[in-house]
C-alpha atoms as a PDB file:
ATOM      1  CA  UNK A   1     -17.003  12.090   4.622  1.00  0.00           C
ATOM      2  CA  UNK A   2     -13.990  13.347   2.730  1.00  0.00           C
ATOM      3  CA  UNK A   3     -11.828  10.738   1.017  1.00  0.00           C
ATOM      4  CA  UNK A   4      -9.306  11.053   3.832  1.00  0.00           C
ATOM      5  CA  UNK A   5     -11.940  10.589   6.533  1.00  0.00           C
ATOM      6  CA  UNK A   6     -13.275   7.492   4.784  1.00  0.00           C
ATOM      7  CA  UNK A   7      -9.795   5.943   4.564  1.00  0.00           C
ATOM      8  CA  UNK A   8      -8.973   6.709   8.198  1.00  0.00           C
ATOM      9  CA  UNK A   9     -12.326   5.373   9.334  1.00  0.00           C
ATOM     10  CA  UNK A  10     -11.817   2.061   7.553  1.00  0.00           C
ATOM     11  CA  UNK A  11      -8.259   1.739   8.832  1.00  0.00           C
ATOM     12  CA  UNK A  12      -9.447   2.415  12.370  1.00  0.00           C
ATOM     13  CA  UNK A  13     -12.275  -0.163  12.264  1.00  0.00           C
ATOM     14  CA  UNK A  14     -15.081   2.351  11.891  1.00  0.00           C
ATOM     15  CA  UNK A  15     -17.873   1.892   9.353  1.00  0.00           C
ATOM     16  CA  UNK A  16     -17.458   4.474   6.569  1.00  0.00           C
ATOM     17  CA  UNK A  17     -20.634   6.459   6.063  1.00  0.00           C
ATOM     18  CA  UNK A  18     -21.323   5.717   2.401  1.00  0.00           C
ATOM     19  CA  UNK A  19     -19.067   3.122   0.764  1.00  0.00           C
ATOM     20  CA  UNK A  20     -15.975   1.022   1.373  1.00  0.00           C
ATOM     21  CA  UNK A  21     -12.671   2.863   1.224  1.00  0.00           C
ATOM     22  CA  UNK A  22     -10.339   2.446  -1.767  1.00  0.00           C
ATOM     23  CA  UNK A  23      -6.544   2.663  -2.108  1.00  0.00           C
ATOM     24  CA  UNK A  24      -3.991   1.347  -4.583  1.00  0.00           C
ATOM     25  CA  UNK A  25      -0.483   0.134  -3.830  1.00  0.00           C
ATOM     26  CA  UNK A  26       0.635   1.721  -7.078  1.00  0.00           C
ATOM     27  CA  UNK A  27      -1.088   3.349 -10.029  1.00  0.00           C
ATOM     28  CA  UNK A  28       0.818   3.271 -13.310  1.00  0.00           C
ATOM     29  CA  UNK A  29      -1.881   3.942 -15.903  1.00  0.00           C
ATOM     30  CA  UNK A  30      -2.067   7.719 -15.662  1.00  0.00           C
ATOM     31  CA  UNK A  31      -1.823   8.327 -19.427  1.00  0.00           C
ATOM     32  CA  UNK A  32      -4.523   5.758 -20.110  1.00  0.00           C
ATOM     33  CA  UNK A  33      -6.795   7.019 -17.319  1.00  0.00           C
ATOM     34  CA  UNK A  34      -6.329  10.795 -17.292  1.00  0.00           C
ATOM     35  CA  UNK A  35      -4.416  11.382 -20.536  1.00  0.00           C
ATOM     36  CA  UNK A  36      -0.890  12.140 -19.287  1.00  0.00           C
ATOM     37  CA  UNK A  37       1.906  10.489 -17.307  1.00  0.00           C
ATOM     38  CA  UNK A  38       3.850  12.175 -14.496  1.00  0.00           C
ATOM     39  CA  UNK A  39       7.394  13.177 -15.418  1.00  0.00           C
ATOM     40  CA  UNK A  40       9.729  11.028 -13.324  1.00  0.00           C
ATOM     41  CA  UNK A  41      13.016   9.133 -13.333  1.00  0.00           C
ATOM     42  CA  UNK A  42      15.834  10.035 -15.661  1.00  0.00           C
ATOM     43  CA  UNK A  43      13.632  12.462 -17.583  1.00  0.00           C
ATOM     44  CA  UNK A  44      12.920  14.381 -14.390  1.00  0.00           C
ATOM     45  CA  UNK A  45      16.586  14.301 -13.321  1.00  0.00           C
ATOM     46  CA  UNK A  46      17.603  16.241 -16.457  1.00  0.00           C
ATOM     47  CA  UNK A  47      15.435  19.243 -15.574  1.00  0.00           C
ATOM     48  CA  UNK A  48      16.586  22.544 -14.086  1.00  0.00           C
ATOM     49  CA  UNK A  49      15.530  23.469 -10.548  1.00  0.00           C
ATOM     50  CA  UNK A  50      12.746  25.710 -11.840  1.00  0.00           C
ATOM     51  CA  UNK A  51      11.571  23.064 -14.315  1.00  0.00           C
ATOM     52  CA  UNK A  52      11.502  20.482 -11.524  1.00  0.00           C
ATOM     53  CA  UNK A  53       9.308  22.693  -9.367  1.00  0.00           C
ATOM     54  CA  UNK A  54       6.839  23.211 -12.220  1.00  0.00           C
ATOM     55  CA  UNK A  55       6.923  19.491 -13.056  1.00  0.00           C
ATOM     56  CA  UNK A  56       6.180  18.378  -9.505  1.00  0.00           C
ATOM     57  CA  UNK A  57       3.165  20.685  -9.522  1.00  0.00           C
ATOM     58  CA  UNK A  58       1.943  19.165 -12.773  1.00  0.00           C
ATOM     59  CA  UNK A  59       2.570  15.649 -11.445  1.00  0.00           C
ATOM     60  CA  UNK A  60       0.458  16.502  -8.407  1.00  0.00           C
ATOM     61  CA  UNK A  61      -2.385  17.723 -10.610  1.00  0.00           C
ATOM     62  CA  UNK A  62      -2.375  14.409 -12.509  1.00  0.00           C
ATOM     63  CA  UNK A  63      -2.220  12.299  -9.352  1.00  0.00           C
ATOM     64  CA  UNK A  64      -5.079  14.142  -7.694  1.00  0.00           C
ATOM     65  CA  UNK A  65      -7.107  14.079 -10.922  1.00  0.00           C
ATOM     66  CA  UNK A  66      -6.700  10.304 -11.204  1.00  0.00           C
ATOM     67  CA  UNK A  67      -7.564   9.784  -7.523  1.00  0.00           C
ATOM     68  CA  UNK A  68     -10.688  11.899  -7.849  1.00  0.00           C
ATOM     69  CA  UNK A  69     -11.824  10.115 -11.011  1.00  0.00           C
ATOM     70  CA  UNK A  70     -11.250   6.641  -9.549  1.00  0.00           C
ATOM     71  CA  UNK A  71     -12.534   7.541  -6.095  1.00  0.00           C
ATOM     72  CA  UNK A  72      -9.300   6.627  -4.326  1.00  0.00           C
ATOM     73  CA  UNK A  73      -9.388   7.748  -0.716  1.00  0.00           C
ATOM     74  CA  UNK A  74      -5.626   7.798  -0.246  1.00  0.00           C
ATOM     75  CA  UNK A  75      -2.799   8.654  -2.632  1.00  0.00           C
ATOM     76  CA  UNK A  76       0.536   6.849  -2.506  1.00  0.00           C
ATOM     77  CA  UNK A  77       3.584   8.949  -3.222  1.00  0.00           C
ATOM     78  CA  UNK A  78       6.044   8.354  -6.062  1.00  0.00           C
ATOM     79  CA  UNK A  79       8.787   6.184  -4.611  1.00  0.00           C
ATOM     80  CA  UNK A  80      12.528   6.008  -5.033  1.00  0.00           C
ATOM     81  CA  UNK A  81      14.536   3.988  -7.529  1.00  0.00           C
ATOM     82  CA  UNK A  82      14.136   0.249  -7.590  1.00  0.00           C
ATOM     83  CA  UNK A  83      14.525  -2.352 -10.314  1.00  0.00           C
ATOM     84  CA  UNK A  84      11.746  -4.562 -11.619  1.00  0.00           C
ATOM     85  CA  UNK A  85      14.444  -6.476 -13.532  1.00  0.00           C
ATOM     86  CA  UNK A  86      18.242  -6.114 -13.580  1.00  0.00           C
ATOM     87  CA  UNK A  87      19.001  -2.662 -14.978  1.00  0.00           C
ATOM     88  CA  UNK A  88      15.310  -1.857 -15.510  1.00  0.00           C
ATOM     89  CA  UNK A  89      13.882   0.701 -13.048  1.00  0.00           C
ATOM     90  CA  UNK A  90      10.254   0.790 -12.075  1.00  0.00           C
ATOM     91  CA  UNK A  91       8.069   3.110 -14.138  1.00  0.00           C
ATOM     92  CA  UNK A  92       7.381   5.633 -11.385  1.00  0.00           C
ATOM     93  CA  UNK A  93      10.322   6.841  -9.311  1.00  0.00           C
ATOM     94  CA  UNK A  94      12.005  10.060  -8.302  1.00  0.00           C
ATOM     95  CA  UNK A  95      15.790  10.345  -8.005  1.00  0.00           C
ATOM     96  CA  UNK A  96      16.292  11.780  -4.516  1.00  0.00           C
ATOM     97  CA  UNK A  97      14.534  11.851  -1.160  1.00  0.00           C
ATOM     98  CA  UNK A  98      14.290  15.639  -1.478  1.00  0.00           C
ATOM     99  CA  UNK A  99      12.383  15.208  -4.734  1.00  0.00           C
ATOM    100  CA  UNK A 100       9.954  12.810  -3.083  1.00  0.00           C
ATOM    101  CA  UNK A 101       9.366  15.187  -0.186  1.00  0.00           C
ATOM    102  CA  UNK A 102       8.795  18.055  -2.606  1.00  0.00           C
ATOM    103  CA  UNK A 103       6.347  15.903  -4.589  1.00  0.00           C
ATOM    104  CA  UNK A 104       4.317  15.131  -1.474  1.00  0.00           C
ATOM    105  CA  UNK A 105       4.213  18.816  -0.580  1.00  0.00           C
ATOM    106  CA  UNK A 106       2.930  19.542  -4.102  1.00  0.00           C
ATOM    107  CA  UNK A 107       0.226  16.880  -3.718  1.00  0.00           C
ATOM    108  CA  UNK A 108      -0.863  18.361  -0.382  1.00  0.00           C
ATOM    109  CA  UNK A 109      -0.980  21.824  -1.940  1.00  0.00           C
ATOM    110  CA  UNK A 110      -3.091  20.548  -4.842  1.00  0.00           C
ATOM    111  CA  UNK A 111      -5.410  18.308  -2.814  1.00  0.00           C
ATOM    112  CA  UNK A 112      -5.701  20.234   0.411  1.00  0.00           C
ATOM    113  CA  UNK A 113      -6.961  17.872   3.116  1.00  0.00           C
ATOM    114  CA  UNK A 114      -9.261  15.882   0.829  1.00  0.00           C
ATOM    115  CA  UNK A 115      -7.125  12.748   0.429  1.00  0.00           C
ATOM    116  CA  UNK A 116      -4.968  10.756   2.810  1.00  0.00           C
ATOM    117  CA  UNK A 117      -1.344  10.462   1.721  1.00  0.00           C
ATOM    118  CA  UNK A 118       0.761   7.326   2.145  1.00  0.00           C
ATOM    119  CA  UNK A 119       4.537   7.412   1.603  1.00  0.00           C
ATOM    120  CA  UNK A 120       6.733   4.440   0.733  1.00  0.00           C
ATOM    121  CA  UNK A 121       9.672   3.845   3.103  1.00  0.00           C
ATOM    122  CA  UNK A 122      11.432   0.821   1.588  1.00  0.00           C
ATOM    123  CA  UNK A 123      11.737  -2.785   2.701  1.00  0.00           C
ATOM    124  CA  UNK A 124      12.946  -4.806   5.669  1.00  0.00           C
ATOM    125  CA  UNK A 125      15.598  -7.484   5.839  1.00  0.00           C
ATOM    126  CA  UNK A 126      14.239 -11.008   5.480  1.00  0.00           C
ATOM    127  CA  UNK A 127      12.450 -10.258   2.228  1.00  0.00           C
ATOM    128  CA  UNK A 128      12.957 -12.184  -0.996  1.00  0.00           C
ATOM    129  CA  UNK A 129      16.221 -10.946  -2.587  1.00  0.00           C
ATOM    130  CA  UNK A 130      17.011 -10.534  -6.262  1.00  0.00           C
ATOM    131  CA  UNK A 131      17.017 -13.962  -7.915  1.00  0.00           C
ATOM    132  CA  UNK A 132      20.730 -13.733  -8.644  1.00  0.00           C
ATOM    133  CA  UNK A 133      21.538 -13.509  -4.909  1.00  0.00           C
ATOM    134  CA  UNK A 134      19.140 -15.956  -3.292  1.00  0.00           C
ATOM    135  CA  UNK A 135      21.722 -18.704  -2.724  1.00  0.00           C
ATOM    136  CA  UNK A 136      24.285 -16.259  -1.366  1.00  0.00           C
ATOM    137  CA  UNK A 137      21.721 -14.681   0.918  1.00  0.00           C
ATOM    138  CA  UNK A 138      20.538 -17.983   2.367  1.00  0.00           C
ATOM    139  CA  UNK A 139      24.134 -19.063   3.025  1.00  0.00           C
ATOM    140  CA  UNK A 140      24.832 -15.775   4.849  1.00  0.00           C
ATOM    141  CA  UNK A 141      21.880 -16.387   7.159  1.00  0.00           C
ATOM    142  CA  UNK A 142      23.477 -19.603   8.363  1.00  0.00           C
ATOM    143  CA  UNK A 143      27.170 -18.670   8.071  1.00  0.00           C
ATOM    144  CA  UNK A 144      27.043 -15.044   9.263  1.00  0.00           C
ATOM    145  CA  UNK A 145      23.933 -14.667  11.448  1.00  0.00           C
ATOM    146  CA  UNK A 146      25.348 -11.724  13.410  1.00  0.00           C
ATOM    147  CA  UNK A 147      26.056  -9.807  10.189  1.00  0.00           C
ATOM    148  CA  UNK A 148      22.553 -10.541   8.924  1.00  0.00           C
ATOM    149  CA  UNK A 149      21.102  -9.071  12.110  1.00  0.00           C
ATOM    150  CA  UNK A 150      23.287  -5.978  11.672  1.00  0.00           C
ATOM    151  CA  UNK A 151      21.857  -5.645   8.164  1.00  0.00           C
ATOM    152  CA  UNK A 152      18.332  -5.993   9.563  1.00  0.00           C
ATOM    153  CA  UNK A 153      18.999  -3.164  12.018  1.00  0.00           C
ATOM    154  CA  UNK A 154      20.421  -1.026   9.211  1.00  0.00           C
ATOM    155  CA  UNK A 155      17.319  -1.636   7.065  1.00  0.00           C
ATOM    156  CA  UNK A 156      15.081  -0.595   9.958  1.00  0.00           C
ATOM    157  CA  UNK A 157      17.046   2.573  10.694  1.00  0.00           C
ATOM    158  CA  UNK A 158      16.895   3.551   7.012  1.00  0.00           C
ATOM    159  CA  UNK A 159      13.113   3.127   7.089  1.00  0.00           C
ATOM    160  CA  UNK A 160      12.778   5.174  10.278  1.00  0.00           C
ATOM    161  CA  UNK A 161      14.910   7.993   8.895  1.00  0.00           C
ATOM    162  CA  UNK A 162      12.698   8.243   5.825  1.00  0.00           C
ATOM    163  CA  UNK A 163       9.432   8.040   7.726  1.00  0.00           C
ATOM    164  CA  UNK A 164      10.393  10.790  10.159  1.00  0.00           C
ATOM    165  CA  UNK A 165      11.016  13.109   7.226  1.00  0.00           C
ATOM    166  CA  UNK A 166       7.668  12.131   5.704  1.00  0.00           C
ATOM    167  CA  UNK A 167       5.911  12.539   9.039  1.00  0.00           C
ATOM    168  CA  UNK A 168       7.272  16.055   9.418  1.00  0.00           C
ATOM    169  CA  UNK A 169       5.522  17.143   6.212  1.00  0.00           C
ATOM    170  CA  UNK A 170       2.212  15.621   7.233  1.00  0.00           C
ATOM    171  CA  UNK A 171       1.691  12.249   5.573  1.00  0.00           C
ATOM    172  CA  UNK A 172      -0.980  10.057   7.138  1.00  0.00           C
ATOM    173  CA  UNK A 173       0.735   6.718   6.794  1.00  0.00           C
ATOM    174  CA  UNK A 174       3.798   4.897   5.550  1.00  0.00           C
ATOM    175  CA  UNK A 175       4.063   1.711   3.518  1.00  0.00           C
ATOM    176  CA  UNK A 176       6.779  -0.902   3.369  1.00  0.00           C
ATOM    177  CA  UNK A 177       6.801  -3.210   0.344  1.00  0.00           C
ATOM    178  CA  UNK A 178       8.485  -6.289   1.811  1.00  0.00           C
ATOM    179  CA  UNK A 179       7.699  -9.516   0.002  1.00  0.00           C
ATOM    180  CA  UNK A 180       8.390 -12.437   2.345  1.00  0.00           C
ATOM    181  CA  UNK A 181       6.450 -15.229   0.647  1.00  0.00           C
ATOM    182  CA  UNK A 182       5.976 -17.252  -2.511  1.00  0.00           C
ATOM    183  CA  UNK A 183       2.694 -18.870  -3.526  1.00  0.00           C
ATOM    184  CA  UNK A 184       3.695 -21.962  -1.552  1.00  0.00           C
ATOM    185  CA  UNK A 185       4.506 -20.138   1.681  1.00  0.00           C
ATOM    186  CA  UNK A 186       7.128 -17.914   3.255  1.00  0.00           C
ATOM    187  CA  UNK A 187      10.532 -17.555   1.612  1.00  0.00           C
ATOM    188  CA  UNK A 188      12.258 -18.299   4.911  1.00  0.00           C
ATOM    189  CA  UNK A 189      10.884 -20.612   7.623  1.00  0.00           C
ATOM    190  CA  UNK A 190       8.718 -18.741  10.135  1.00  0.00           C
ATOM    191  CA  UNK A 191      11.298 -19.451  12.829  1.00  0.00           C
ATOM    192  CA  UNK A 192      13.972 -17.555  10.908  1.00  0.00           C
ATOM    193  CA  UNK A 193      11.582 -14.716  10.163  1.00  0.00           C
ATOM    194  CA  UNK A 194      11.058 -14.527  13.943  1.00  0.00           C
ATOM    195  CA  UNK A 195      14.739 -13.580  14.182  1.00  0.00           C
ATOM    196  CA  UNK A 196      15.407 -11.306  11.202  1.00  0.00           C
ATOM    197  CA  UNK A 197      12.039  -9.878  10.151  1.00  0.00           C
ATOM    198  CA  UNK A 198       9.231  -9.757  12.691  1.00  0.00           C
ATOM    199  CA  UNK A 199      11.119  -8.111  15.596  1.00  0.00           C
ATOM    200  CA  UNK A 200      12.001  -5.230  13.284  1.00  0.00           C
ATOM    201  CA  UNK A 201       8.488  -5.072  11.895  1.00  0.00           C
ATOM    202  CA  UNK A 202       7.165  -4.761  15.450  1.00  0.00           C
ATOM    203  CA  UNK A 203       9.623  -1.987  16.281  1.00  0.00           C
ATOM    204  CA  UNK A 204       8.574  -0.167  13.104  1.00  0.00           C
ATOM    205  CA  UNK A 205       4.899  -0.447  14.006  1.00  0.00           C
ATOM    206  CA  UNK A 206       5.658   0.916  17.475  1.00  0.00           C
ATOM    207  CA  UNK A 207       7.567   3.894  16.045  1.00  0.00           C
ATOM    208  CA  UNK A 208       4.744   4.607  13.603  1.00  0.00           C
ATOM    209  CA  UNK A 209       2.263   4.749  16.473  1.00  0.00           C
ATOM    210  CA  UNK A 210       4.536   7.141  18.358  1.00  0.00           C
ATOM    211  CA  UNK A 211       4.746   9.328  15.246  1.00  0.00           C
ATOM    212  CA  UNK A 212       0.983   9.207  14.659  1.00  0.00           C
ATOM    213  CA  UNK A 213       1.350   7.309  11.384  1.00  0.00           C
ATOM    214  CA  UNK A 214      -0.479   4.323   9.952  1.00  0.00           C
ATOM    215  CA  UNK A 215       1.864   1.412   9.190  1.00  0.00           C
ATOM    216  CA  UNK A 216       1.000  -0.600   6.077  1.00  0.00           C
ATOM    217  CA  UNK A 217       2.923  -3.710   5.050  1.00  0.00           C
ATOM    218  CA  UNK A 218       2.750  -5.083   1.515  1.00  0.00           C
ATOM    219  CA  UNK A 219       3.741  -8.659   0.810  1.00  0.00           C
ATOM    220  CA  UNK A 220       2.813 -10.995  -2.001  1.00  0.00           C
ATOM    221  CA  UNK A 221       2.508 -14.721  -1.461  1.00  0.00           C
ATOM    222  CA  UNK A 222       0.877 -17.143   0.937  1.00  0.00           C
ATOM    223  CA  UNK A 223       1.050 -15.515   4.370  1.00  0.00           C
ATOM    224  CA  UNK A 224      -1.311 -17.892   6.162  1.00  0.00           C
ATOM    225  CA  UNK A 225       1.606 -19.556   8.049  1.00  0.00           C
ATOM    226  CA  UNK A 226       2.543 -16.204   9.628  1.00  0.00           C
ATOM    227  CA  UNK A 227      -0.772 -14.389   9.997  1.00  0.00           C
ATOM    228  CA  UNK A 228      -0.473 -14.809  13.761  1.00  0.00           C
ATOM    229  CA  UNK A 229       2.836 -12.941  13.615  1.00  0.00           C
ATOM    230  CA  UNK A 230       1.287 -10.191  11.502  1.00  0.00           C
ATOM    231  CA  UNK A 231      -1.362  -9.670  14.163  1.00  0.00           C
ATOM    232  CA  UNK A 232       1.189  -9.653  16.981  1.00  0.00           C
ATOM    233  CA  UNK A 233       3.434  -7.135  15.191  1.00  0.00           C
ATOM    234  CA  UNK A 234       1.002  -4.272  15.714  1.00  0.00           C
ATOM    235  CA  UNK A 235       1.036  -2.995  12.132  1.00  0.00           C
ATOM    236  CA  UNK A 236      -2.042  -1.089  11.041  1.00  0.00           C
ATOM    237  CA  UNK A 237      -2.754  -2.947   7.817  1.00  0.00           C
ATOM    238  CA  UNK A 238      -1.660  -5.700   5.473  1.00  0.00           C
ATOM    239  CA  UNK A 239      -1.878  -4.972   1.741  1.00  0.00           C
ATOM    240  CA  UNK A 240      -2.205  -7.539  -1.049  1.00  0.00           C
ATOM    241  CA  UNK A 241      -3.969 -10.611   0.397  1.00  0.00           C
ATOM    242  CA  UNK A 242      -2.593 -12.420  -2.634  1.00  0.00           C
ATOM    243  CA  UNK A 243      -5.345 -14.269  -4.529  1.00  0.00           C
ATOM    244  CA  UNK A 244      -2.788 -15.959  -6.785  1.00  0.00           C
ATOM    245  CA  UNK A 245      -1.313 -17.566  -3.659  1.00  0.00           C
ATOM    246  CA  UNK A 246      -4.756 -18.731  -2.557  1.00  0.00           C
ATOM    247  CA  UNK A 247      -5.409 -16.075   0.065  1.00  0.00           C
ATOM    248  CA  UNK A 248      -9.068 -15.120   0.403  1.00  0.00           C
ATOM    249  CA  UNK A 249     -10.333 -11.825   1.766  1.00  0.00           C
ATOM    250  CA  UNK A 250     -13.203 -13.358   3.724  1.00  0.00           C
ATOM    251  CA  UNK A 251     -11.010 -15.970   5.384  1.00  0.00           C
ATOM    252  CA  UNK A 252      -8.364 -13.373   6.265  1.00  0.00           C
ATOM    253  CA  UNK A 253     -11.041 -11.060   7.676  1.00  0.00           C
ATOM    254  CA  UNK A 254     -12.116 -13.875  10.001  1.00  0.00           C
ATOM    255  CA  UNK A 255      -8.522 -14.561  11.033  1.00  0.00           C
ATOM    256  CA  UNK A 256      -7.668 -10.963  11.919  1.00  0.00           C
ATOM    257  CA  UNK A 257     -10.980 -10.487  13.735  1.00  0.00           C
ATOM    258  CA  UNK A 258     -10.912  -6.705  13.791  1.00  0.00           C
ATOM    259  CA  UNK A 259      -7.273  -6.455  14.904  1.00  0.00           C
ATOM    260  CA  UNK A 260      -5.593  -5.763  11.554  1.00  0.00           C
ATOM    261  CA  UNK A 261      -6.956  -3.847   8.574  1.00  0.00           C
ATOM    262  CA  UNK A 262      -6.812  -5.557   5.178  1.00  0.00           C
ATOM    263  CA  UNK A 263      -6.235  -3.867   1.816  1.00  0.00           C
ATOM    264  CA  UNK A 264      -6.867  -5.619  -1.509  1.00  0.00           C
ATOM    265  CA  UNK A 265      -7.402  -8.082  -3.051  1.00  0.00           C
ATOM    266  CA  UNK A 266      -8.656  -7.829  -6.648  1.00  0.00           C
ATOM    267  CA  UNK A 267      -6.542 -10.089  -8.862  1.00  0.00           C
ATOM    268  CA  UNK A 268      -4.563  -7.762 -11.153  1.00  0.00           C
ATOM    269  CA  UNK A 269      -4.186 -10.543 -13.710  1.00  0.00           C
ATOM    270  CA  UNK A 270      -7.966 -10.573 -14.108  1.00  0.00           C
ATOM    271  CA  UNK A 271      -7.960  -6.770 -14.362  1.00  0.00           C
ATOM    272  CA  UNK A 272      -5.426  -7.144 -17.137  1.00  0.00           C
ATOM    273  CA  UNK A 273      -6.890 -10.011 -19.157  1.00  0.00           C
ATOM    274  CA  UNK A 274     -10.439 -10.508 -17.923  1.00  0.00           C
ATOM    275  CA  UNK A 275     -13.718  -9.525 -19.507  1.00  0.00           C
ATOM    276  CA  UNK A 276     -15.813  -6.749 -17.965  1.00  0.00           C
ATOM    277  CA  UNK A 277     -18.198  -9.397 -16.672  1.00  0.00           C
ATOM    278  CA  UNK A 278     -15.367 -11.347 -15.020  1.00  0.00           C
ATOM    279  CA  UNK A 279     -13.923  -8.215 -13.422  1.00  0.00           C
ATOM    280  CA  UNK A 280     -17.318  -7.133 -12.121  1.00  0.00           C
ATOM    281  CA  UNK A 281     -18.008 -10.563 -10.612  1.00  0.00           C
ATOM    282  CA  UNK A 282     -14.559 -10.696  -9.021  1.00  0.00           C
ATOM    283  CA  UNK A 283     -14.940  -7.271  -7.432  1.00  0.00           C
ATOM    284  CA  UNK A 284     -18.381  -8.159  -6.130  1.00  0.00           C
ATOM    285  CA  UNK A 285     -16.959 -11.285  -4.505  1.00  0.00           C
ATOM    286  CA  UNK A 286     -14.063  -9.403  -2.866  1.00  0.00           C
ATOM    287  CA  UNK A 287     -16.308  -6.706  -1.427  1.00  0.00           C
ATOM    288  CA  UNK A 288     -18.987  -9.073  -0.225  1.00  0.00           C
ATOM    289  CA  UNK A 289     -16.497 -11.515   1.294  1.00  0.00           C
ATOM    290  CA  UNK A 290     -15.010  -8.630   3.312  1.00  0.00           C
ATOM    291  CA  UNK A 291     -18.415  -8.270   4.949  1.00  0.00           C
ATOM    292  CA  UNK A 292     -18.386  -4.508   5.526  1.00  0.00           C
ATOM    293  CA  UNK A 293     -16.139  -1.465   5.344  1.00  0.00           C
ATOM    294  CA  UNK A 294     -14.766  -1.920   8.860  1.00  0.00           C
ATOM    295  CA  UNK A 295     -11.054  -2.701   8.673  1.00  0.00           C
ATOM    296  CA  UNK A 296     -11.282  -3.212   4.903  1.00  0.00           C
ATOM    297  CA  UNK A 297      -9.950  -1.112   2.039  1.00  0.00           C
ATOM    298  CA  UNK A 298     -10.765  -2.128  -1.526  1.00  0.00           C
ATOM    299  CA  UNK A 299      -8.072  -2.203  -4.211  1.00  0.00           C
ATOM    300  CA  UNK A 300      -5.913  -4.301  -6.485  1.00  0.00           C
ATOM    301  CA  UNK A 301      -3.776  -7.050  -4.987  1.00  0.00           C
ATOM    302  CA  UNK A 302      -0.711  -5.330  -6.447  1.00  0.00           C
ATOM    303  CA  UNK A 303       0.133  -2.239  -8.491  1.00  0.00           C
ATOM    304  CA  UNK A 304      -2.242  -1.224 -11.260  1.00  0.00           C
ATOM    305  CA  UNK A 305       0.427  -1.813 -13.858  1.00  0.00           C
ATOM    306  CA  UNK A 306       0.920  -0.667 -17.428  1.00  0.00           C
ATOM    307  CA  UNK A 307      -1.120  -2.982 -19.640  1.00  0.00           C
ATOM    308  CA  UNK A 308      -4.301  -2.800 -17.575  1.00  0.00           C
ATOM    309  CA  UNK A 309      -6.673  -0.793 -19.720  1.00  0.00           C
ATOM    310  CA  UNK A 310      -8.500   2.266 -18.455  1.00  0.00           C
ATOM    311  CA  UNK A 311     -11.752   0.567 -19.498  1.00  0.00           C
ATOM    312  CA  UNK A 312     -11.046  -2.519 -17.403  1.00  0.00           C
ATOM    313  CA  UNK A 313     -10.005  -0.442 -14.434  1.00  0.00           C
ATOM    314  CA  UNK A 314     -13.182   1.603 -14.683  1.00  0.00           C
ATOM    315  CA  UNK A 315     -15.192  -1.617 -14.353  1.00  0.00           C
ATOM    316  CA  UNK A 316     -13.494  -2.103 -10.991  1.00  0.00           C
ATOM    317  CA  UNK A 317     -14.203   1.506  -9.979  1.00  0.00           C
ATOM    318  CA  UNK A 318     -17.865   1.139 -10.947  1.00  0.00           C
ATOM    319  CA  UNK A 319     -18.111  -2.188  -9.096  1.00  0.00           C
ATOM    320  CA  UNK A 320     -16.921  -0.536  -5.903  1.00  0.00           C
ATOM    321  CA  UNK A 321     -19.825   1.919  -6.146  1.00  0.00           C
ATOM    322  CA  UNK A 322     -22.335  -0.829  -6.984  1.00  0.00           C
ATOM    323  CA  UNK A 323     -21.376  -3.347  -4.322  1.00  0.00           C
ATOM    324  CA  UNK A 324     -19.444  -1.334  -1.751  1.00  0.00           C
ATOM    325  CA  UNK A 325     -22.192   0.755  -0.251  1.00  0.00           C
ATOM    326  CA  UNK A 326     -21.939   0.658   3.535  1.00  0.00           C
ATOM    327  CA  UNK A 327     -24.538  -1.499   5.211  1.00  0.00           C
ATOM    328  CA  UNK A 328     -22.978  -2.080   8.618  1.00  0.00           C
ATOM    329  CA  UNK A 329     -24.924   0.662  10.381  1.00  0.00           C
ATOM    330  CA  UNK A 330     -28.707   0.933  10.029  1.00  0.00           C
ATOM    331  CA  UNK A 331     -29.639   3.900   7.894  1.00  0.00           C
ATOM    332  CA  UNK A 332     -26.051   4.427   6.744  1.00  0.00           C
ATOM    333  CA  UNK A 333     -23.465   6.534   8.473  1.00  0.00           C
ATOM    334  CA  UNK A 334     -20.971   5.669  11.144  1.00  0.00           C
ATOM    335  CA  UNK A 335     -22.016   4.631  14.605  1.00  0.00           C
ATOM    336  CA  UNK A 336     -20.541   7.726  16.278  1.00  0.00           C
ATOM    337  CA  UNK A 337     -18.524  10.782  15.282  1.00  0.00           C
ATOM    338  CA  UNK A 338     -15.137   9.880  13.841  1.00  0.00           C
ATOM    339  CA  UNK A 339     -13.236  11.917  16.430  1.00  0.00           C
ATOM    340  CA  UNK A 340     -14.580   9.717  19.223  1.00  0.00           C
ATOM    341  CA  UNK A 341     -13.034   6.579  17.721  1.00  0.00           C
ATOM    342  CA  UNK A 342      -9.576   7.710  16.575  1.00  0.00           C
ATOM    343  CA  UNK A 343      -6.805   5.326  17.566  1.00  0.00           C
ATOM    344  CA  UNK A 344      -3.362   6.513  18.594  1.00  0.00           C
ATOM    345  CA  UNK A 345      -1.830   6.313  15.130  1.00  0.00           C
ATOM    346  CA  UNK A 346      -4.374   8.564  13.433  1.00  0.00           C
END
């Protein structure tokens, strides 16, 4: 199998032929892992048109090199601007949608059809707002419900506009990072999420299927109270399965029962601060609790952030090869040719 075939097999509930698939929500340790960071953000924005074209090609080389070294089966694009703290943008972002589209084209040119590509499309309404606006946001939900629903529709239309552009250039899936929960449970009561979040999530999943795209939702926090809604929404996969919030891969695998793919859930805090022995044991537990490579994609619970050492991350990569060999089909291999099992969003 190519990396792309392995990822699509896992996402479509087919046993990969050799090992569990692997994908990261975000990968920020390029300089540590392959010796150089992509040129992004304000530094990229200063470049001339010709310099930008050359830079996007070099960025693609680094991204494909890191994916090949780590064995990632899908590559996530470089997203747009967002703040990790007031006035502090995330490490990896490109200024305009046109830049992001051009970067994906450069990745496809560099990688050919070897890796799946997943593009980020933004978040839905109903997610946890910036801490400075939580009180205002909650009051609006109760005082201006019609306006909140208008906002929810606007968020969805913005997502759909982006994903259509990504779909036209041949991405395999789209990802929405939409945190709706804390460690204690959902930010808003499930009943409110049924009004301002899940109907729009369902419509998104439907549009993704029409466009032949995988739909991947990322959310931190304890999602057990709404796992039934996640299943009903029709999304392809849920990414994170937050171990810090007490979510366990094995338990979630039993809950979804082959109806929703799961991506995760290695604790990034352990990747950051743990010993090699602790990381190895954790990865072994995640892989074994998932049971097999059907509907499961191995990876960190969140972005592989700056501060995680290349050495620690390599322990995780090596653990995937040690413990993630496919055993679901006697003699290895998938039960039937991949083409016979493709679902409508592949």
